[in-house]
Amino acid sequence: MREESISLAEGKGKFRVQCDAVEIGPDLVVKLYGGDKPHVGAVAVGIPRPSLAGDEKISASVSVFTLTGHKEDELAKMMAGKLSAALNRVTVLTAGIHIDNITPEGIKTFEINAVRAGDELINHLLQRDL
Protein backbone atom coordinates (compact mmCIF):
# COMPACT_ATOMS: atom_id res chain seq x y z
CA MET A 1 0.00 0.00 0.00
CA ARG A 2 1.40 3.37 -1.05
CA GLU A 3 1.42 6.14 1.53
CA GLU A 4 2.68 9.60 0.79
CA SER A 5 2.51 13.01 2.42
CA ILE A 6 2.10 15.86 -0.02
CA SER A 7 2.52 19.56 0.72
CA LEU A 8 1.56 22.22 -1.83
CA ALA A 9 0.99 25.96 -1.69
CA GLU A 10 -0.64 28.47 -4.02
CA GLY A 11 -0.63 32.25 -3.88
CA LYS A 12 1.65 34.78 -2.29
CA GLY A 13 1.89 36.78 0.89
CA LYS A 14 -1.14 36.88 3.09
CA PHE A 15 -3.23 35.16 0.38
CA ARG A 16 -1.07 32.01 0.30
CA VAL A 17 -3.07 28.82 0.73
CA GLN A 18 -1.33 25.75 2.10
CA CYS A 19 -2.62 22.31 1.12
CA ASP A 20 -1.21 19.31 2.98
CA ALA A 21 -2.44 15.81 2.23
CA VAL A 22 -1.72 12.35 3.53
CA GLU A 23 -2.96 9.04 2.26
CA ILE A 24 -4.42 6.68 4.81
CA GLY A 25 -4.81 3.40 2.98
CA PRO A 26 -7.06 4.14 0.00
CA ASP A 27 -8.39 7.33 1.60
CA LEU A 28 -7.12 10.90 1.65
CA VAL A 29 -6.95 13.47 4.46
CA VAL A 30 -6.36 17.08 3.39
CA LYS A 31 -5.63 20.23 5.40
CA LEU A 32 -6.39 23.50 3.60
CA TYR A 33 -5.34 26.58 5.53
CA GLY A 34 -3.87 30.05 5.35
CA GLY A 35 -4.07 33.70 6.25
CA ASP A 36 -3.04 35.34 9.50
CA LYS A 37 -4.75 32.81 11.76
CA PRO A 38 -4.93 29.31 10.24
CA HIS A 39 -7.40 27.08 12.07
CA VAL A 40 -10.07 24.45 11.56
CA GLY A 41 -13.24 26.23 10.51
CA ALA A 42 -15.02 23.42 8.67
CA VAL A 43 -14.59 19.72 8.05
CA ALA A 44 -15.99 18.00 4.97
CA VAL A 45 -16.15 14.33 4.00
CA GLY A 46 -16.44 13.47 0.33
CA ILE A 47 -17.59 9.97 -0.60
CA PRO A 48 -17.29 8.97 -4.26
CA ARG A 49 -20.29 7.45 -6.00
CA PRO A 50 -21.58 6.94 -9.52
CA SER A 51 -22.99 10.12 -11.01
CA LEU A 52 -26.76 10.47 -10.69
CA ALA A 53 -26.79 11.50 -14.38
CA GLY A 54 -26.14 7.86 -15.26
CA ASP A 55 -23.22 8.79 -17.50
CA GLU A 56 -20.73 6.41 -15.84
CA LYS A 57 -18.81 9.33 -14.34
CA ILE A 58 -17.82 9.51 -10.69
CA SER A 59 -19.40 12.17 -8.51
CA ALA A 60 -19.32 12.59 -4.74
CA SER A 61 -21.68 13.04 -1.83
CA VAL A 62 -20.32 15.52 0.71
CA SER A 63 -21.21 16.16 4.33
CA VAL A 64 -19.90 19.24 6.15
CA PHE A 65 -19.50 20.21 9.78
CA THR A 66 -18.91 23.93 10.33
CA LEU A 67 -17.54 25.24 13.58
CA THR A 68 -19.67 27.97 15.10
CA GLY A 69 -18.86 31.39 13.71
CA HIS A 70 -16.79 30.14 10.78
CA LYS A 71 -17.50 30.50 7.07
CA GLU A 72 -15.32 27.90 5.38
CA ASP A 73 -18.21 25.46 4.85
CA GLU A 74 -18.81 26.17 1.15
CA LEU A 75 -15.10 26.02 0.34
CA ALA A 76 -14.69 22.77 2.29
CA LYS A 77 -17.71 21.20 0.59
CA MET A 78 -16.60 22.18 -2.89
CA MET A 79 -13.01 21.05 -2.38
CA ALA A 80 -13.86 17.71 -0.73
CA GLY A 81 -16.37 16.94 -3.49
CA LYS A 82 -13.96 17.85 -6.25
CA LEU A 83 -11.10 15.80 -4.78
CA SER A 84 -13.28 12.80 -3.98
CA ALA A 85 -14.86 12.66 -7.44
CA ALA A 86 -11.64 13.28 -9.37
CA LEU A 87 -9.63 10.75 -7.38
CA ASN A 88 -12.46 8.27 -6.66
CA ARG A 89 -11.53 8.05 -3.00
CA VAL A 90 -12.99 9.01 0.33
CA THR A 91 -11.61 12.44 1.20
CA VAL A 92 -11.69 14.19 4.57
CA LEU A 93 -10.84 17.88 4.29
CA THR A 94 -10.37 20.55 6.92
CA ALA A 95 -10.46 24.21 5.91
CA GLY A 96 -9.41 27.20 7.98
CA ILE A 97 -8.41 30.50 6.44
CA HIS A 98 -8.60 33.83 8.23
CA ILE A 99 -7.56 37.43 7.69
CA ASP A 100 -9.07 40.21 9.80
CA ASN A 101 -11.30 42.58 7.83
CA ILE A 102 -10.91 40.68 4.56
CA THR A 103 -12.56 42.17 1.50
CA PRO A 104 -14.78 40.26 -0.94
CA GLU A 105 -11.89 40.43 -3.42
CA GLY A 106 -9.60 38.89 -0.82
CA ILE A 107 -12.04 36.04 -0.26
CA LYS A 108 -12.15 35.42 -4.02
CA THR A 109 -8.33 35.36 -4.14
CA PHE A 110 -8.27 32.71 -1.41
CA GLU A 111 -10.88 30.64 -3.26
CA ILE A 112 -8.88 30.80 -6.49
CA ASN A 113 -5.69 29.77 -4.69
CA ALA A 114 -7.50 26.93 -2.90
CA VAL A 115 -8.88 25.59 -6.19
CA ARG A 116 -5.43 25.80 -7.79
CA ALA A 117 -3.90 23.90 -4.87
CA GLY A 118 -6.63 21.26 -5.13
CA ASP A 119 -6.09 20.91 -8.88
CA GLU A 120 -2.36 20.55 -8.32
CA LEU A 121 -3.00 17.82 -5.73
CA ILE A 122 -5.33 15.98 -8.11
CA ASN A 123 -2.81 16.18 -10.95
CA HIS A 124 0.04 15.02 -8.71
CA LEU A 125 -1.86 11.96 -7.49
CA LEU A 126 -3.26 11.03 -10.91
CA GLN A 127 0.15 11.35 -12.60
CA ARG A 128 1.80 9.32 -9.88
CA ASP A 129 -0.71 6.50 -10.27
CA LEU A 130 -0.29 6.18 -14.07
C-alpha atoms as a PDB file:
ATOM      1  CA  MET A   1       0.000   0.000   0.000  1.00  0.00           C
ATOM      2  CA  ARG A   2       1.397   3.371  -1.051  1.00  0.00           C
ATOM      3  CA  GLU A   3       1.418   6.137   1.534  1.00  0.00           C
ATOM      4  CA  GLU A   4       2.680   9.599   0.789  1.00  0.00           C
ATOM      5  CA  SER A   5       2.515  13.006   2.416  1.00  0.00           C
ATOM      6  CA  ILE A   6       2.101  15.863  -0.022  1.00  0.00           C
ATOM      7  CA  SER A   7       2.517  19.561   0.716  1.00  0.00           C
ATOM      8  CA  LEU A   8       1.564  22.220  -1.833  1.00  0.00           C
ATOM      9  CA  ALA A   9       0.985  25.964  -1.694  1.00  0.00           C
ATOM     10  CA  GLU A  10      -0.641  28.473  -4.022  1.00  0.00           C
ATOM     11  CA  GLY A  11      -0.632  32.249  -3.882  1.00  0.00           C
ATOM     12  CA  LYS A  12       1.653  34.784  -2.294  1.00  0.00           C
ATOM     13  CA  GLY A  13       1.894  36.776   0.889  1.00  0.00           C
ATOM     14  CA  LYS A  14      -1.140  36.875   3.087  1.00  0.00           C
ATOM     15  CA  PHE A  15      -3.230  35.157   0.378  1.00  0.00           C
ATOM     16  CA  ARG A  16      -1.073  32.013   0.300  1.00  0.00           C
ATOM     17  CA  VAL A  17      -3.072  28.821   0.726  1.00  0.00           C
ATOM     18  CA  GLN A  18      -1.334  25.747   2.099  1.00  0.00           C
ATOM     19  CA  CYS A  19      -2.623  22.306   1.116  1.00  0.00           C
ATOM     20  CA  ASP A  20      -1.214  19.309   2.985  1.00  0.00           C
ATOM     21  CA  ALA A  21      -2.444  15.806   2.226  1.00  0.00           C
ATOM     22  CA  VAL A  22      -1.720  12.354   3.534  1.00  0.00           C
ATOM     23  CA  GLU A  23      -2.965   9.043   2.256  1.00  0.00           C
ATOM     24  CA  ILE A  24      -4.419   6.677   4.809  1.00  0.00           C
ATOM     25  CA  GLY A  25      -4.811   3.399   2.983  1.00  0.00           C
ATOM     26  CA  PRO A  26      -7.057   4.143   0.003  1.00  0.00           C
ATOM     27  CA  ASP A  27      -8.394   7.329   1.597  1.00  0.00           C
ATOM     28  CA  LEU A  28      -7.123  10.903   1.648  1.00  0.00           C
ATOM     29  CA  VAL A  29      -6.946  13.475   4.457  1.00  0.00           C
ATOM     30  CA  VAL A  30      -6.360  17.084   3.392  1.00  0.00           C
ATOM     31  CA  LYS A  31      -5.626  20.234   5.401  1.00  0.00           C
ATOM     32  CA  LEU A  32      -6.393  23.497   3.602  1.00  0.00           C
ATOM     33  CA  TYR A  33      -5.335  26.583   5.533  1.00  0.00           C
ATOM     34  CA  GLY A  34      -3.872  30.049   5.348  1.00  0.00           C
ATOM     35  CA  GLY A  35      -4.068  33.701   6.253  1.00  0.00           C
ATOM     36  CA  ASP A  36      -3.041  35.339   9.501  1.00  0.00           C
ATOM     37  CA  LYS A  37      -4.745  32.806  11.756  1.00  0.00           C
ATOM     38  CA  PRO A  38      -4.928  29.308  10.240  1.00  0.00           C
ATOM     39  CA  HIS A  39      -7.396  27.077  12.070  1.00  0.00           C
ATOM     40  CA  VAL A  40     -10.072  24.446  11.558  1.00  0.00           C
ATOM     41  CA  GLY A  41     -13.238  26.227  10.506  1.00  0.00           C
ATOM     42  CA  ALA A  42     -15.018  23.416   8.665  1.00  0.00           C
ATOM     43  CA  VAL A  43     -14.591  19.717   8.050  1.00  0.00           C
ATOM     44  CA  ALA A  44     -15.995  18.000   4.970  1.00  0.00           C
ATOM     45  CA  VAL A  45     -16.149  14.332   4.004  1.00  0.00           C
ATOM     46  CA  GLY A  46     -16.441  13.472   0.328  1.00  0.00           C
ATOM     47  CA  ILE A  47     -17.587   9.974  -0.605  1.00  0.00           C
ATOM     48  CA  PRO A  48     -17.288   8.973  -4.264  1.00  0.00           C
ATOM     49  CA  ARG A  49     -20.291   7.451  -6.000  1.00  0.00           C
ATOM     50  CA  PRO A  50     -21.578   6.939  -9.515  1.00  0.00           C
ATOM     51  CA  SER A  51     -22.990  10.123 -11.006  1.00  0.00           C
ATOM     52  CA  LEU A  52     -26.762  10.471 -10.694  1.00  0.00           C
ATOM     53  CA  ALA A  53     -26.791  11.500 -14.379  1.00  0.00           C
ATOM     54  CA  GLY A  54     -26.141   7.863 -15.263  1.00  0.00           C
ATOM     55  CA  ASP A  55     -23.218   8.787 -17.504  1.00  0.00           C
ATOM     56  CA  GLU A  56     -20.731   6.409 -15.842  1.00  0.00           C
ATOM     57  CA  LYS A  57     -18.811   9.332 -14.336  1.00  0.00           C
ATOM     58  CA  ILE A  58     -17.819   9.513 -10.689  1.00  0.00           C
ATOM     59  CA  SER A  59     -19.395  12.172  -8.507  1.00  0.00           C
ATOM     60  CA  ALA A  60     -19.324  12.591  -4.737  1.00  0.00           C
ATOM     61  CA  SER A  61     -21.679  13.042  -1.829  1.00  0.00           C
ATOM     62  CA  VAL A  62     -20.320  15.517   0.705  1.00  0.00           C
ATOM     63  CA  SER A  63     -21.208  16.164   4.332  1.00  0.00           C
ATOM     64  CA  VAL A  64     -19.899  19.240   6.145  1.00  0.00           C
ATOM     65  CA  PHE A  65     -19.500  20.211   9.783  1.00  0.00           C
ATOM     66  CA  THR A  66     -18.913  23.932  10.326  1.00  0.00           C
ATOM     67  CA  LEU A  67     -17.536  25.242  13.577  1.00  0.00           C
ATOM     68  CA  THR A  68     -19.669  27.973  15.098  1.00  0.00           C
ATOM     69  CA  GLY A  69     -18.859  31.393  13.708  1.00  0.00           C
ATOM     70  CA  HIS A  70     -16.790  30.138  10.781  1.00  0.00           C
ATOM     71  CA  LYS A  71     -17.499  30.503   7.075  1.00  0.00           C
ATOM     72  CA  GLU A  72     -15.323  27.899   5.380  1.00  0.00           C
ATOM     73  CA  ASP A  73     -18.210  25.458   4.854  1.00  0.00           C
ATOM     74  CA  GLU A  74     -18.809  26.167   1.152  1.00  0.00           C
ATOM     75  CA  LEU A  75     -15.100  26.023   0.343  1.00  0.00           C
ATOM     76  CA  ALA A  76     -14.686  22.768   2.288  1.00  0.00           C
ATOM     77  CA  LYS A  77     -17.711  21.201   0.594  1.00  0.00           C
ATOM     78  CA  MET A  78     -16.600  22.184  -2.890  1.00  0.00           C
ATOM     79  CA  MET A  79     -13.007  21.046  -2.382  1.00  0.00           C
ATOM     80  CA  ALA A  80     -13.864  17.713  -0.730  1.00  0.00           C
ATOM     81  CA  GLY A  81     -16.366  16.941  -3.494  1.00  0.00           C
ATOM     82  CA  LYS A  82     -13.955  17.850  -6.250  1.00  0.00           C
ATOM     83  CA  LEU A  83     -11.097  15.803  -4.784  1.00  0.00           C
ATOM     84  CA  SER A  84     -13.277  12.804  -3.978  1.00  0.00           C
ATOM     85  CA  ALA A  85     -14.862  12.658  -7.436  1.00  0.00           C
ATOM     86  CA  ALA A  86     -11.639  13.276  -9.369  1.00  0.00           C
ATOM     87  CA  LEU A  87      -9.627  10.745  -7.378  1.00  0.00           C
ATOM     88  CA  ASN A  88     -12.456   8.274  -6.664  1.00  0.00           C
ATOM     89  CA  ARG A  89     -11.530   8.049  -2.996  1.00  0.00           C
ATOM     90  CA  VAL A  90     -12.993   9.008   0.328  1.00  0.00           C
ATOM     91  CA  THR A  91     -11.611  12.445   1.199  1.00  0.00           C
ATOM     92  CA  VAL A  92     -11.687  14.188   4.572  1.00  0.00           C
ATOM     93  CA  LEU A  93     -10.835  17.876   4.285  1.00  0.00           C
ATOM     94  CA  THR A  94     -10.366  20.548   6.924  1.00  0.00           C
ATOM     95  CA  ALA A  95     -10.456  24.207   5.913  1.00  0.00           C
ATOM     96  CA  GLY A  96      -9.414  27.195   7.983  1.00  0.00           C
ATOM     97  CA  ILE A  97      -8.410  30.500   6.441  1.00  0.00           C
ATOM     98  CA  HIS A  98      -8.596  33.835   8.233  1.00  0.00           C
ATOM     99  CA  ILE A  99      -7.556  37.429   7.687  1.00  0.00           C
ATOM    100  CA  ASP A 100      -9.065  40.206   9.801  1.00  0.00           C
ATOM    101  CA  ASN A 101     -11.299  42.583   7.827  1.00  0.00           C
ATOM    102  CA  ILE A 102     -10.909  40.683   4.565  1.00  0.00           C
ATOM    103  CA  THR A 103     -12.564  42.174   1.500  1.00  0.00           C
ATOM    104  CA  PRO A 104     -14.784  40.264  -0.942  1.00  0.00           C
ATOM    105  CA  GLU A 105     -11.893  40.430  -3.419  1.00  0.00           C
ATOM    106  CA  GLY A 106      -9.595  38.888  -0.816  1.00  0.00           C
ATOM    107  CA  ILE A 107     -12.045  36.036  -0.258  1.00  0.00           C
ATOM    108  CA  LYS A 108     -12.148  35.419  -4.016  1.00  0.00           C
ATOM    109  CA  THR A 109      -8.335  35.358  -4.144  1.00  0.00           C
ATOM    110  CA  PHE A 110      -8.271  32.708  -1.409  1.00  0.00           C
ATOM    111  CA  GLU A 111     -10.879  30.644  -3.263  1.00  0.00           C
ATOM    112  CA  ILE A 112      -8.880  30.800  -6.493  1.00  0.00           C
ATOM    113  CA  ASN A 113      -5.690  29.770  -4.687  1.00  0.00           C
ATOM    114  CA  ALA A 114      -7.500  26.927  -2.904  1.00  0.00           C
ATOM    115  CA  VAL A 115      -8.882  25.592  -6.187  1.00  0.00           C
ATOM    116  CA  ARG A 116      -5.432  25.801  -7.786  1.00  0.00           C
ATOM    117  CA  ALA A 117      -3.900  23.899  -4.868  1.00  0.00           C
ATOM    118  CA  GLY A 118      -6.630  21.257  -5.132  1.00  0.00           C
ATOM    119  CA  ASP A 119      -6.095  20.913  -8.877  1.00  0.00           C
ATOM    120  CA  GLU A 120      -2.357  20.551  -8.316  1.00  0.00           C
ATOM    121  CA  LEU A 121      -2.997  17.825  -5.728  1.00  0.00           C
ATOM    122  CA  ILE A 122      -5.328  15.976  -8.105  1.00  0.00           C
ATOM    123  CA  ASN A 123      -2.810  16.182 -10.952  1.00  0.00           C
ATOM    124  CA  HIS A 124       0.041  15.023  -8.711  1.00  0.00           C
ATOM    125  CA  LEU A 125      -1.862  11.965  -7.494  1.00  0.00           C
ATOM    126  CA  LEU A 126      -3.260  11.028 -10.914  1.00  0.00           C
ATOM    127  CA  GLN A 127       0.146  11.345 -12.596  1.00  0.00           C
ATOM    128  CA  ARG A 128       1.802   9.319  -9.877  1.00  0.00           C
ATOM    129  CA  ASP A 129      -0.709   6.503 -10.270  1.00  0.00           C
ATOM    130  CA  LEU A 130      -0.291   6.175 -14.065  1.00  0.00           C
END
